[in-house]
């Protein structure tokens, strides 16, 4: 898992949830700059909380 955490962004594989170390999602936009988006801390995001 350490290799994937370090190099996953190069292939668009990003860890999205901070508390789920084994879960990666495909984020093709990460391939261009080899940088994954910021991880979510909670499963409820601000736009979901407003509902």
PDB file of N, CA and C in Angstrom:
ATOM      1  N   UNK A   1       0.810  -1.199   0.000  1.00  0.00           N
ATOM      2  CA  UNK A   1       0.000   0.000   0.000  1.00  0.00           C
ATOM      3  C   UNK A   1       0.857   1.268   0.000  1.00  0.00           C
ATOM      4  N   UNK A   2       2.046   1.190   0.561  1.00  0.00           N
ATOM      5  CA  UNK A   2       2.878   2.390   0.604  1.00  0.00           C
ATOM      6  C   UNK A   2       3.239   2.870  -0.800  1.00  0.00           C
ATOM      7  N   UNK A   3       3.516   1.927  -1.710  1.00  0.00           N
ATOM      8  CA  UNK A   3       3.852   2.315  -3.077  1.00  0.00           C
ATOM      9  C   UNK A   3       2.669   3.014  -3.724  1.00  0.00           C
ATOM     10  N   UNK A   4       1.477   2.462  -3.533  1.00  0.00           N
ATOM     11  CA  UNK A   4       0.284   3.058  -4.136  1.00  0.00           C
ATOM     12  C   UNK A   4       0.010   4.443  -3.558  1.00  0.00           C
ATOM     13  N   UNK A   5       0.208   4.611  -2.267  1.00  0.00           N
ATOM     14  CA  UNK A   5       0.010   5.916  -1.644  1.00  0.00           C
ATOM     15  C   UNK A   5       0.984   6.948  -2.212  1.00  0.00           C
ATOM     16  N   UNK A   6       2.197   6.509  -2.507  1.00  0.00           N
ATOM     17  CA  UNK A   6       3.224   7.432  -2.992  1.00  0.00           C
ATOM     18  C   UNK A   6       3.106   7.699  -4.495  1.00  0.00           C
ATOM     19  N   UNK A   7       2.774   6.679  -5.289  1.00  0.00           N
ATOM     20  CA  UNK A   7       2.806   6.801  -6.750  1.00  0.00           C
ATOM     21  C   UNK A   7       1.441   6.714  -7.429  1.00  0.00           C
ATOM     22  N   UNK A   8       0.389   6.465  -6.678  1.00  0.00           N
ATOM     23  CA  UNK A   8      -0.933   6.282  -7.267  1.00  0.00           C
ATOM     24  C   UNK A   8      -1.397   7.447  -8.118  1.00  0.00           C
ATOM     25  N   UNK A   9      -1.085   8.668  -7.713  1.00  0.00           N
ATOM     26  CA  UNK A   9      -1.495   9.857  -8.460  1.00  0.00           C
ATOM     27  C   UNK A   9      -0.960   9.881  -9.881  1.00  0.00           C
ATOM     28  N   UNK A  10       0.191   9.270 -10.097  1.00  0.00           N
ATOM     29  CA  UNK A  10       0.763   9.206 -11.444  1.00  0.00           C
ATOM     30  C   UNK A  10      -0.120   8.401 -12.382  1.00  0.00           C
ATOM     31  N   UNK A  11      -0.939   7.520 -11.817  1.00  0.00           N
ATOM     32  CA  UNK A  11      -1.818   6.651 -12.592  1.00  0.00           C
ATOM     33  C   UNK A  11      -3.293   7.004 -12.393  1.00  0.00           C
ATOM     34  N   UNK A  12      -3.553   8.085 -11.662  1.00  0.00           N
ATOM     35  CA  UNK A  12      -4.918   8.520 -11.416  1.00  0.00           C
ATOM     36  C   UNK A  12      -5.611   7.777 -10.291  1.00  0.00           C
ATOM     37  N   UNK A  13      -4.870   7.033  -9.498  1.00  0.00           N
ATOM     38  CA  UNK A  13      -5.446   6.299  -8.377  1.00  0.00           C
ATOM     39  C   UNK A  13      -5.203   7.078  -7.092  1.00  0.00           C
ATOM     40  N   UNK A  14      -6.283   7.541  -6.501  1.00  0.00           N
ATOM     41  CA  UNK A  14      -6.178   8.430  -5.340  1.00  0.00           C
ATOM     42  C   UNK A  14      -6.955   7.892  -4.150  1.00  0.00           C
ATOM     43  N   UNK A  15      -6.368   8.041  -2.978  1.00  0.00           N
ATOM     44  CA  UNK A  15      -7.083   7.731  -1.744  1.00  0.00           C
ATOM     45  C   UNK A  15      -7.959   8.946  -1.457  1.00  0.00           C
ATOM     46  N   UNK A  16      -9.259   8.724  -1.363  1.00  0.00           N
ATOM     47  CA  UNK A  16     -10.198   9.830  -1.209  1.00  0.00           C
ATOM     48  C   UNK A  16     -10.595  10.040   0.253  1.00  0.00           C
ATOM     49  N   UNK A  17     -10.796   8.954   0.984  1.00  0.00           N
ATOM     50  CA  UNK A  17     -11.229   9.043   2.382  1.00  0.00           C
ATOM     51  C   UNK A  17     -10.054   8.776   3.306  1.00  0.00           C
ATOM     52  N   UNK A  18      -9.808   9.694   4.223  1.00  0.00           N
ATOM     53  CA  UNK A  18      -8.679   9.586   5.156  1.00  0.00           C
ATOM     54  C   UNK A  18      -8.773   8.326   6.018  1.00  0.00           C
ATOM     55  N   UNK A  19      -9.977   7.916   6.401  1.00  0.00           N
ATOM     56  CA  UNK A  19     -10.125   6.772   7.297  1.00  0.00           C
ATOM     57  C   UNK A  19     -10.244   5.425   6.572  1.00  0.00           C
ATOM     58  N   UNK A  20     -10.116   5.408   5.243  1.00  0.00           N
ATOM     59  CA  UNK A  20     -10.175   4.157   4.482  1.00  0.00           C
ATOM     60  C   UNK A  20      -8.892   3.999   3.681  1.00  0.00           C
ATOM     61  N   UNK A  21      -7.859   3.513   4.352  1.00  0.00           N
ATOM     62  CA  UNK A  21      -6.531   3.429   3.741  1.00  0.00           C
ATOM     63  C   UNK A  21      -6.473   2.486   2.544  1.00  0.00           C
ATOM     64  N   UNK A  22      -7.344   1.504   2.472  1.00  0.00           N
ATOM     65  CA  UNK A  22      -7.310   0.546   1.380  1.00  0.00           C
ATOM     66  C   UNK A  22      -8.200   0.898   0.206  1.00  0.00           C
ATOM     67  N   UNK A  23      -8.874   2.023   0.260  1.00  0.00           N
ATOM     68  CA  UNK A  23      -9.809   2.391  -0.803  1.00  0.00           C
ATOM     69  C   UNK A  23      -9.219   3.502  -1.666  1.00  0.00           C
ATOM     70  N   UNK A  24      -9.080   3.205  -2.943  1.00  0.00           N
ATOM     71  CA  UNK A  24      -8.580   4.179  -3.915  1.00  0.00           C
ATOM     72  C   UNK A  24      -9.611   4.335  -5.008  1.00  0.00           C
ATOM     73  N   UNK A  25      -9.711   5.526  -5.554  1.00  0.00           N
ATOM     74  CA  UNK A  25     -10.638   5.802  -6.640  1.00  0.00           C
ATOM     75  C   UNK A  25      -9.866   6.347  -7.825  1.00  0.00           C
ATOM     76  N   UNK A  26     -10.395   6.088  -9.007  1.00  0.00           N
ATOM     77  CA  UNK A  26      -9.773   6.589 -10.223  1.00  0.00           C
ATOM     78  C   UNK A  26     -10.139   8.053 -10.409  1.00  0.00           C
ATOM     79  N   UNK A  27      -9.145   8.896 -10.451  1.00  0.00           N
ATOM     80  CA  UNK A  27      -9.300  10.330 -10.680  1.00  0.00           C
ATOM     81  C   UNK A  27      -8.385  10.706 -11.843  1.00  0.00           C
ATOM     82  N   UNK A  28      -8.874  10.586 -13.098  1.00  0.00           N
ATOM     83  CA  UNK A  28      -8.034  10.829 -14.272  1.00  0.00           C
ATOM     84  C   UNK A  28      -7.364  12.199 -14.279  1.00  0.00           C
ATOM     85  N   UNK A  29      -7.987  13.196 -13.686  1.00  0.00           N
ATOM     86  CA  UNK A  29      -7.390  14.532 -13.668  1.00  0.00           C
ATOM     87  C   UNK A  29      -6.088  14.573 -12.873  1.00  0.00           C
ATOM     88  N   UNK A  30      -5.886  13.602 -11.998  1.00  0.00           N
ATOM     89  CA  UNK A  30      -4.656  13.550 -11.197  1.00  0.00           C
ATOM     90  C   UNK A  30      -3.451  13.147 -12.043  1.00  0.00           C
ATOM     91  N   UNK A  31      -3.682  12.462 -13.165  1.00  0.00           N
ATOM     92  CA  UNK A  31      -2.584  11.991 -14.007  1.00  0.00           C
ATOM     93  C   UNK A  31      -1.784  13.162 -14.563  1.00  0.00           C
ATOM     94  N   UNK A  32      -2.454  14.231 -14.968  1.00  0.00           N
ATOM     95  CA  UNK A  32      -1.785  15.373 -15.587  1.00  0.00           C
ATOM     96  C   UNK A  32      -0.735  16.012 -14.691  1.00  0.00           C
ATOM     97  N   UNK A  33      -1.054  16.168 -13.418  1.00  0.00           N
ATOM     98  CA  UNK A  33      -0.101  16.824 -12.514  1.00  0.00           C
ATOM     99  C   UNK A  33       0.412  15.887 -11.414  1.00  0.00           C
ATOM    100  N   UNK A  34       0.080  14.596 -11.513  1.00  0.00           N
ATOM    101  CA  UNK A  34       0.501  13.586 -10.525  1.00  0.00           C
ATOM    102  C   UNK A  34       0.165  14.004  -9.100  1.00  0.00           C
ATOM    103  N   UNK A  35      -0.964  14.667  -8.949  1.00  0.00           N
ATOM    104  CA  UNK A  35      -1.363  15.160  -7.631  1.00  0.00           C
ATOM    105  C   UNK A  35      -2.836  14.840  -7.395  1.00  0.00           C
ATOM    106  N   UNK A  36      -3.097  14.106  -6.345  1.00  0.00           N
ATOM    107  CA  UNK A  36      -4.468  13.755  -5.999  1.00  0.00           C
ATOM    108  C   UNK A  36      -5.144  14.904  -5.261  1.00  0.00           C
ATOM    109  N   UNK A  37      -6.484  14.954  -5.336  1.00  0.00           N
ATOM    110  CA  UNK A  37      -7.192  15.987  -4.574  1.00  0.00           C
ATOM    111  C   UNK A  37      -7.063  15.733  -3.077  1.00  0.00           C
ATOM    112  N   UNK A  38      -7.359  16.742  -2.309  1.00  0.00           N
ATOM    113  CA  UNK A  38      -7.325  16.643  -0.858  1.00  0.00           C
ATOM    114  C   UNK A  38      -8.284  15.551  -0.391  1.00  0.00           C
ATOM    115  N   UNK A  39      -7.878  14.785   0.616  1.00  0.00           N
ATOM    116  CA  UNK A  39      -8.734  13.718   1.134  1.00  0.00           C
ATOM    117  C   UNK A  39      -9.876  14.278   1.959  1.00  0.00           C
ATOM    118  N   UNK A  40     -11.013  13.586   1.887  1.00  0.00           N
ATOM    119  CA  UNK A  40     -12.160  13.924   2.724  1.00  0.00           C
ATOM    120  C   UNK A  40     -11.928  13.353   4.111  1.00  0.00           C
ATOM    121  N   UNK A  41     -12.344  14.090   5.131  1.00  0.00           N
ATOM    122  CA  UNK A  41     -12.203  13.627   6.504  1.00  0.00           C
ATOM    123  C   UNK A  41     -13.460  12.874   6.923  1.00  0.00           C
ATOM    124  N   UNK A  42     -14.619  13.391   6.583  1.00  0.00           N
ATOM    125  CA  UNK A  42     -15.904  12.804   6.954  1.00  0.00           C
ATOM    126  C   UNK A  42     -16.648  12.353   5.703  1.00  0.00           C
ATOM    127  N   UNK A  43     -17.483  11.324   5.812  1.00  0.00           N
ATOM    128  CA  UNK A  43     -18.239  10.878   4.645  1.00  0.00           C
ATOM    129  C   UNK A  43     -19.313  11.870   4.201  1.00  0.00           C
ATOM    130  N   UNK A  44     -19.668  12.823   5.041  1.00  0.00           N
ATOM    131  CA  UNK A  44     -20.661  13.832   4.668  1.00  0.00           C
ATOM    132  C   UNK A  44     -19.926  15.110   4.280  1.00  0.00           C
ATOM    133  N   UNK A  45     -20.098  15.516   3.044  1.00  0.00           N
ATOM    134  CA  UNK A  45     -19.462  16.728   2.550  1.00  0.00           C
ATOM    135  C   UNK A  45     -20.430  17.908   2.747  1.00  0.00           C
ATOM    136  N   UNK A  46     -19.935  19.137   2.732  1.00  0.00           N
ATOM    137  CA  UNK A  46     -20.773  20.316   2.992  1.00  0.00           C
ATOM    138  C   UNK A  46     -22.028  20.376   2.134  1.00  0.00           C
ATOM    139  N   UNK A  47     -21.947  20.013   0.851  1.00  0.00           N
ATOM    140  CA  UNK A  47     -23.138  20.097   0.006  1.00  0.00           C
ATOM    141  C   UNK A  47     -24.170  19.056   0.428  1.00  0.00           C
ATOM    142  N   UNK A  48     -23.766  17.921   1.013  1.00  0.00           N
ATOM    143  CA  UNK A  48     -24.700  16.914   1.502  1.00  0.00           C
ATOM    144  C   UNK A  48     -25.325  17.353   2.817  1.00  0.00           C
ATOM    145  N   UNK A  49     -24.582  18.036   3.643  1.00  0.00           N
ATOM    146  CA  UNK A  49     -25.065  18.443   4.958  1.00  0.00           C
ATOM    147  C   UNK A  49     -26.187  19.469   4.859  1.00  0.00           C
ATOM    148  N   UNK A  50     -26.249  20.216   3.772  1.00  0.00           N
ATOM    149  CA  UNK A  50     -27.274  21.253   3.629  1.00  0.00           C
ATOM    150  C   UNK A  50     -28.654  20.671   3.319  1.00  0.00           C
ATOM    151  N   UNK A  51     -28.705  19.407   2.946  1.00  0.00           N
ATOM    152  CA  UNK A  51     -29.996  18.793   2.585  1.00  0.00           C
ATOM    153  C   UNK A  51     -30.804  18.399   3.783  1.00  0.00           C
TER     154      UNK A  51
END
